[in-house]
């Protein structure tokens, strides 16, 4: 089982702030409907206005915050229902992309996926969580590219980016067993290698369905840990 993922030492300040805000949402330091201002967050996280502003801009783009004229930002719900809805979108789009990818995949593409899969396993075994995340993104990107539907990929990225941010935030606090993902990725590769559109679509569905459930368990665990931290310190700066 992998240890909690530590953020890179050179991580930009705005990303640390973004993770901190998400952590405060998960830990119930902030509640849906609360208003956030740059001044409030500057004091809470002890950083300058610029990274606060960029973090808020990104979270607004991901649908977690709504800009209110002259009042800062209002928090929308980041709860189990929201995460499930985002996964519904992801499953719908990615199963279609996998089906299309199975029609276009070539031998070199399969070799590339297997090489990425091997590097993913090596990163898991080395405890290199940054590489694990990177290899996972590359794995799914190969499938997306093979589908030749950039509009669907763009929609997928815009609507589900926040789920990736949530996963990276909770993984900094909660262990994750990567073995199921390794097995699920292997099944996806074999279906694509066989040009089995139905099999590839089903393999992606099963992978994302289980990934959602695993994330919800980690979010619940992280919520207890981060909630205790917020209660103790009054803030959650990653």
Protein backbone atom coordinates (compact mmCIF):
# COMPACT_ATOMS: atom_id res chain seq x y z
CA UNK A 1 0.00 0.00 0.00
CA UNK A 2 1.40 3.38 -0.99
CA UNK A 3 2.19 6.00 1.64
CA UNK A 4 0.35 9.32 1.54
CA UNK A 5 1.55 11.41 -1.40
CA UNK A 6 3.68 14.42 -0.51
CA UNK A 7 3.47 17.47 -2.80
CA UNK A 8 6.64 18.43 -4.69
CA UNK A 9 8.99 20.75 -2.79
CA UNK A 10 8.85 23.25 -5.68
CA UNK A 11 5.05 23.22 -5.92
CA UNK A 12 3.74 26.70 -6.84
CA UNK A 13 2.16 28.61 -3.97
CA UNK A 14 -1.21 28.90 -5.71
CA UNK A 15 -1.42 25.09 -5.94
CA UNK A 16 -0.66 24.80 -2.22
CA UNK A 17 -3.43 27.31 -1.54
CA UNK A 18 -5.81 25.44 -3.84
CA UNK A 19 -5.10 22.17 -2.03
CA UNK A 20 -5.54 23.92 1.31
CA UNK A 21 -8.97 25.26 0.31
CA UNK A 22 -10.05 21.82 -0.91
CA UNK A 23 -8.70 20.33 2.32
CA UNK A 24 -10.74 22.80 4.35
CA UNK A 25 -13.83 21.86 2.35
CA UNK A 26 -13.25 18.15 2.90
CA UNK A 27 -12.49 18.75 6.57
CA UNK A 28 -15.56 21.00 6.98
CA UNK A 29 -13.51 24.08 7.84
CA UNK A 30 -15.61 25.69 5.12
CA UNK A 31 -19.23 24.86 4.35
CA UNK A 32 -21.30 25.12 1.14
CA UNK A 33 -22.75 28.62 0.99
CA UNK A 34 -19.84 30.21 2.87
CA UNK A 35 -18.31 33.31 1.32
CA UNK A 36 -14.56 33.52 0.73
CA UNK A 37 -12.60 36.71 0.16
CA UNK A 38 -9.00 37.26 -0.81
CA UNK A 39 -8.38 39.14 2.43
CA UNK A 40 -9.82 36.31 4.54
CA UNK A 41 -7.71 33.67 2.81
CA UNK A 42 -4.56 35.81 2.87
CA UNK A 43 -4.86 35.93 6.64
CA UNK A 44 -5.84 32.26 6.98
CA UNK A 45 -3.01 30.84 4.88
CA UNK A 46 -0.41 33.57 5.43
CA UNK A 47 0.34 34.11 1.74
CA UNK A 48 0.07 37.08 -0.61
CA UNK A 49 -2.92 38.09 -2.72
CA UNK A 50 -1.59 36.80 -6.06
CA UNK A 51 -1.55 33.04 -5.33
CA UNK A 52 -4.88 33.36 -3.50
CA UNK A 53 -6.40 35.03 -6.55
CA UNK A 54 -5.09 32.33 -8.92
CA UNK A 55 -6.30 29.49 -6.67
CA UNK A 56 -9.76 31.05 -6.49
CA UNK A 57 -9.84 31.55 -10.26
CA UNK A 58 -9.05 27.87 -10.84
CA UNK A 59 -11.63 26.67 -8.33
CA UNK A 60 -14.23 28.91 -9.94
CA UNK A 61 -13.41 27.37 -13.31
CA UNK A 62 -13.84 23.91 -11.80
CA UNK A 63 -17.30 24.75 -10.46
CA UNK A 64 -16.50 24.72 -6.74
CA UNK A 65 -16.75 28.50 -6.31
CA UNK A 66 -19.13 31.08 -7.75
CA UNK A 67 -18.00 34.69 -8.08
CA UNK A 68 -20.29 37.18 -6.32
CA UNK A 69 -19.90 40.83 -7.34
CA UNK A 70 -18.15 42.82 -4.60
CA UNK A 71 -18.49 39.92 -2.14
CA UNK A 72 -15.79 37.48 -3.18
CA UNK A 73 -16.77 33.88 -3.87
CA UNK A 74 -19.51 31.56 -2.65
CA UNK A 75 -18.72 27.89 -2.04
CA UNK A 76 -20.78 25.35 -3.94
CA UNK A 77 -21.19 21.79 -2.69
CA UNK A 78 -18.15 19.51 -2.76
CA UNK A 79 -19.74 16.37 -1.38
CA UNK A 80 -20.37 12.74 -2.26
CA UNK A 81 -23.15 13.62 -4.69
CA UNK A 82 -20.96 16.11 -6.53
CA UNK A 83 -18.09 13.62 -6.84
CA UNK A 84 -20.49 10.91 -8.06
CA UNK A 85 -21.95 13.30 -10.64
CA UNK A 86 -18.48 14.13 -11.95
CA UNK A 87 -17.67 10.43 -12.21
CA UNK A 88 -20.92 9.86 -14.10
CA UNK A 89 -19.71 12.42 -16.64
CA UNK A 90 -16.27 10.84 -16.76
CA UNK A 91 -17.66 7.32 -17.20
CA UNK A 92 -20.01 8.42 -19.96
CA UNK A 93 -17.28 10.15 -21.96
CA UNK A 94 -14.38 7.77 -21.29
CA UNK A 95 -16.32 4.62 -22.16
CA UNK A 96 -17.16 6.20 -25.51
CA UNK A 97 -13.51 7.21 -26.02
CA UNK A 98 -12.33 3.69 -25.18
CA UNK A 99 -14.75 2.23 -27.71
CA UNK A 100 -13.43 4.58 -30.39
CA UNK A 101 -9.81 3.96 -29.36
CA UNK A 102 -10.26 0.21 -29.86
CA UNK A 103 -11.07 0.91 -33.51
CA UNK A 104 -7.90 2.94 -34.12
CA UNK A 105 -5.27 1.38 -31.86
CA UNK A 106 -2.13 -0.01 -33.49
CA UNK A 107 0.70 -2.19 -32.29
CA UNK A 108 2.91 0.80 -31.47
CA UNK A 109 0.10 2.29 -29.38
CA UNK A 110 -0.26 -0.92 -27.39
CA UNK A 111 3.50 -1.02 -26.84
CA UNK A 112 3.37 2.57 -25.59
CA UNK A 113 0.56 1.78 -23.15
CA UNK A 114 2.41 -1.26 -21.85
CA UNK A 115 5.56 0.84 -21.35
CA UNK A 116 3.56 3.45 -19.42
CA UNK A 117 1.94 0.67 -17.41
CA UNK A 118 5.38 -0.74 -16.53
CA UNK A 119 6.57 2.70 -15.43
CA UNK A 120 3.39 3.09 -13.37
CA UNK A 121 4.14 -0.18 -11.56
CA UNK A 122 7.78 0.85 -11.03
CA UNK A 123 6.65 4.18 -9.56
CA UNK A 124 4.20 2.41 -7.23
CA UNK A 125 6.93 0.04 -6.04
CA UNK A 126 9.33 2.96 -5.52
CA UNK A 127 6.75 4.99 -3.61
CA UNK A 128 7.15 7.83 -6.13
CA UNK A 129 3.64 9.25 -5.96
CA UNK A 130 4.33 12.16 -8.31
CA UNK A 131 5.41 9.68 -10.98
CA UNK A 132 2.38 7.49 -10.23
CA UNK A 133 0.06 10.43 -10.88
CA UNK A 134 1.95 11.37 -14.03
CA UNK A 135 1.90 7.84 -15.43
CA UNK A 136 -1.82 7.51 -14.70
CA UNK A 137 -2.54 10.71 -16.64
CA UNK A 138 -0.36 9.52 -19.54
CA UNK A 139 -2.15 6.16 -19.59
CA UNK A 140 -5.57 7.72 -20.00
CA UNK A 141 -4.23 10.35 -22.42
CA UNK A 142 -3.16 7.62 -24.86
CA UNK A 143 -6.73 6.32 -24.96
CA UNK A 144 -8.11 9.82 -25.38
CA UNK A 145 -5.74 10.59 -28.26
CA UNK A 146 -6.61 7.35 -30.06
CA UNK A 147 -10.31 8.23 -30.00
CA UNK A 148 -9.75 11.29 -32.25
CA UNK A 149 -12.41 13.34 -30.46
CA UNK A 150 -10.67 16.42 -28.99
CA UNK A 151 -13.98 18.12 -28.22
CA UNK A 152 -15.03 15.27 -25.93
CA UNK A 153 -11.60 15.25 -24.29
CA UNK A 154 -11.79 19.00 -23.66
CA UNK A 155 -15.24 18.65 -22.09
CA UNK A 156 -13.95 15.79 -19.94
CA UNK A 157 -11.00 17.84 -18.73
CA UNK A 158 -13.04 20.93 -17.88
CA UNK A 159 -15.78 19.09 -16.00
CA UNK A 160 -13.69 16.57 -14.07
CA UNK A 161 -10.49 18.50 -13.25
CA UNK A 162 -11.74 19.13 -9.72
CA UNK A 163 -11.97 15.39 -9.03
CA UNK A 164 -8.27 15.06 -9.80
CA UNK A 165 -7.56 17.94 -7.41
CA UNK A 166 -9.64 16.29 -4.69
CA UNK A 167 -7.85 12.97 -5.20
CA UNK A 168 -4.42 14.60 -4.98
CA UNK A 169 -5.46 16.46 -1.83
CA UNK A 170 -6.76 13.42 0.02
CA UNK A 171 -3.85 11.27 -1.15
CA UNK A 172 -1.52 13.62 0.74
CA UNK A 173 -3.20 12.41 3.95
CA UNK A 174 -4.52 8.88 3.32
CA UNK A 175 -2.74 5.72 2.14
CA UNK A 176 -3.91 4.24 -1.14
CA UNK A 177 -3.64 0.66 -2.38
CA UNK A 178 -2.65 0.93 -6.05
CA UNK A 179 -2.89 -2.82 -6.79
CA UNK A 180 -6.51 -2.64 -8.04
CA UNK A 181 -5.60 0.13 -10.47
CA UNK A 182 -2.68 -1.92 -11.80
CA UNK A 183 -5.00 -4.86 -12.51
CA UNK A 184 -7.69 -2.66 -14.05
CA UNK A 185 -5.21 -0.90 -16.35
CA UNK A 186 -3.87 -4.27 -17.50
CA UNK A 187 -7.40 -5.36 -18.43
CA UNK A 188 -7.93 -2.16 -20.43
CA UNK A 189 -4.69 -2.72 -22.35
CA UNK A 190 -5.61 -6.29 -23.27
CA UNK A 191 -9.05 -5.26 -24.52
CA UNK A 192 -7.56 -2.50 -26.67
CA UNK A 193 -4.84 -4.81 -27.99
CA UNK A 194 -7.58 -7.19 -29.13
CA UNK A 195 -9.52 -4.32 -30.80
CA UNK A 196 -12.41 -5.33 -28.53
CA UNK A 197 -14.54 -2.18 -28.40
CA UNK A 198 -17.14 -3.67 -26.06
CA UNK A 199 -14.44 -5.09 -23.80
CA UNK A 200 -12.48 -1.83 -23.68
CA UNK A 201 -15.61 0.16 -22.89
CA UNK A 202 -16.59 -2.27 -20.13
CA UNK A 203 -13.05 -2.32 -18.71
CA UNK A 204 -13.01 1.49 -18.49
CA UNK A 205 -16.48 1.48 -16.92
CA UNK A 206 -15.42 -1.03 -14.26
CA UNK A 207 -12.17 0.85 -13.59
CA UNK A 208 -13.83 4.23 -13.10
CA UNK A 209 -16.76 2.78 -11.16
CA UNK A 210 -14.34 1.23 -8.67
CA UNK A 211 -12.03 4.26 -8.68
CA UNK A 212 -14.98 6.45 -7.64
CA UNK A 213 -15.81 4.16 -4.72
CA UNK A 214 -12.17 4.05 -3.62
CA UNK A 215 -11.95 7.85 -3.77
CA UNK A 216 -15.10 8.29 -1.68
CA UNK A 217 -13.65 6.03 1.02
CA UNK A 218 -10.42 8.08 1.05
CA UNK A 219 -12.35 11.36 1.12
CA UNK A 220 -14.25 10.18 4.19
CA UNK A 221 -11.03 9.18 5.95
CA UNK A 222 -9.32 12.42 4.97
CA UNK A 223 -12.34 14.40 6.13
CA UNK A 224 -11.93 13.07 9.66
CA UNK A 225 -8.19 13.80 9.67
CA UNK A 226 -8.50 17.25 8.15
CA UNK A 227 -11.50 18.12 10.30
CA UNK A 228 -9.46 17.41 13.42
CA UNK A 229 -6.62 19.50 12.04
CA UNK A 230 -8.90 22.43 11.23
CA UNK A 231 -10.41 22.25 14.72
CA UNK A 232 -6.95 22.24 16.27
CA UNK A 233 -5.22 24.91 14.17
CA UNK A 234 -8.04 26.91 12.60
CA UNK A 235 -6.55 26.40 9.15
CA UNK A 236 -5.28 23.70 6.85
CA UNK A 237 -2.27 24.86 4.91
CA UNK A 238 -0.69 22.11 2.79
